Protein backbone atom coordinates (compact mmCIF):
# COMPACT_ATOMS: atom_id res chain seq x y z
CA MET A 1 -15.71 20.28 27.60
CA SER A 2 -17.00 16.98 28.89
CA LYS A 3 -15.07 13.73 28.94
CA GLU A 4 -17.33 12.32 26.24
CA MET A 5 -16.63 15.20 23.88
CA GLY A 6 -12.91 14.85 24.51
CA ALA A 7 -13.10 11.15 23.70
CA VAL A 8 -15.00 11.87 20.48
CA LEU A 9 -12.35 14.41 19.44
CA VAL A 10 -9.47 12.05 20.24
CA PHE A 11 -10.98 9.10 18.37
CA GLY A 12 -11.98 11.38 15.51
CA ALA A 13 -8.38 12.58 15.23
CA ILE A 14 -7.14 8.98 15.23
CA ILE A 15 -9.56 8.06 12.44
CA VAL A 16 -8.60 11.11 10.37
CA GLY A 17 -4.92 10.29 10.83
CA ALA A 18 -5.48 6.68 9.76
CA LEU A 19 -7.36 7.80 6.64
CA ILE A 20 -4.59 10.22 5.69
CA MET A 21 -1.95 7.50 6.15
CA PHE A 22 -4.04 5.09 4.07
CA ALA A 23 -4.37 7.64 1.26
CA LEU A 24 -0.63 8.36 1.28
CA GLU A 25 0.16 4.64 1.14
CA ARG A 26 -2.20 4.13 -1.83
CA ARG A 27 -0.52 7.03 -3.67
CA GLY A 28 2.90 5.56 -2.89
CA ALA A 29 1.82 2.13 -4.14
CA ALA A 30 0.52 3.69 -7.36
CA LYS A 31 3.84 5.47 -7.88
CA ARG A 32 5.80 2.26 -7.31
CA LYS A 33 3.55 0.39 -9.73
CA ALA A 34 4.02 3.10 -12.36
CA ALA A 35 7.79 2.92 -11.87
CA ARG A 36 7.63 -0.82 -12.66
CA GLY A 37 5.75 -0.17 -15.88
CA GLY A 38 2.37 -1.13 -14.43
CA ARG A 39 3.38 -4.64 -13.41
CA GLU A 40 2.31 -6.11 -10.09
CA ILE A 41 4.92 -7.99 -8.09
CA ASP A 42 3.56 -10.45 -5.57
CA VAL A 43 5.65 -10.90 -2.43
CA SER A 44 5.23 -14.68 -2.64
CA ASP A 45 6.79 -14.56 -6.11
CA LEU A 46 9.79 -12.70 -4.70
CA ILE A 47 10.18 -15.37 -2.01
CA ALA A 48 9.88 -18.23 -4.50
CA PHE A 49 11.81 -16.80 -7.46
CA GLY A 50 14.04 -14.12 -5.94
CA SER A 51 14.85 -10.94 -7.82
CA ALA A 52 13.95 -12.62 -11.12
CA ALA A 53 10.29 -12.09 -10.21
CA GLY A 54 10.85 -8.36 -10.00
CA GLN A 55 12.40 -8.39 -13.46
CA GLY A 56 9.42 -10.29 -14.89
CA GLU A 57 11.47 -13.29 -16.03
CA ARG A 58 9.24 -15.88 -14.37
CA THR A 59 6.02 -13.97 -13.92
CA LYS A 60 5.06 -13.38 -17.53
CA THR A 61 1.36 -13.63 -18.20
CA PRO A 62 -0.03 -15.04 -21.47
CA ASP A 63 -1.28 -12.42 -23.90
């Protein structure tokens, strides 16, 4: 096996690993969102409003 083929295999494995990690993170984010009842919690809201943002007390959207 040539050096070029080895490099292609190594970088291909890195890309496949990154795609798998990305897919697992998206599934985890979907599970966390479902556990919150479908609400999104923005990190900046948590910094500004504390845990009240996670409970939806200050982040209510108009209907």
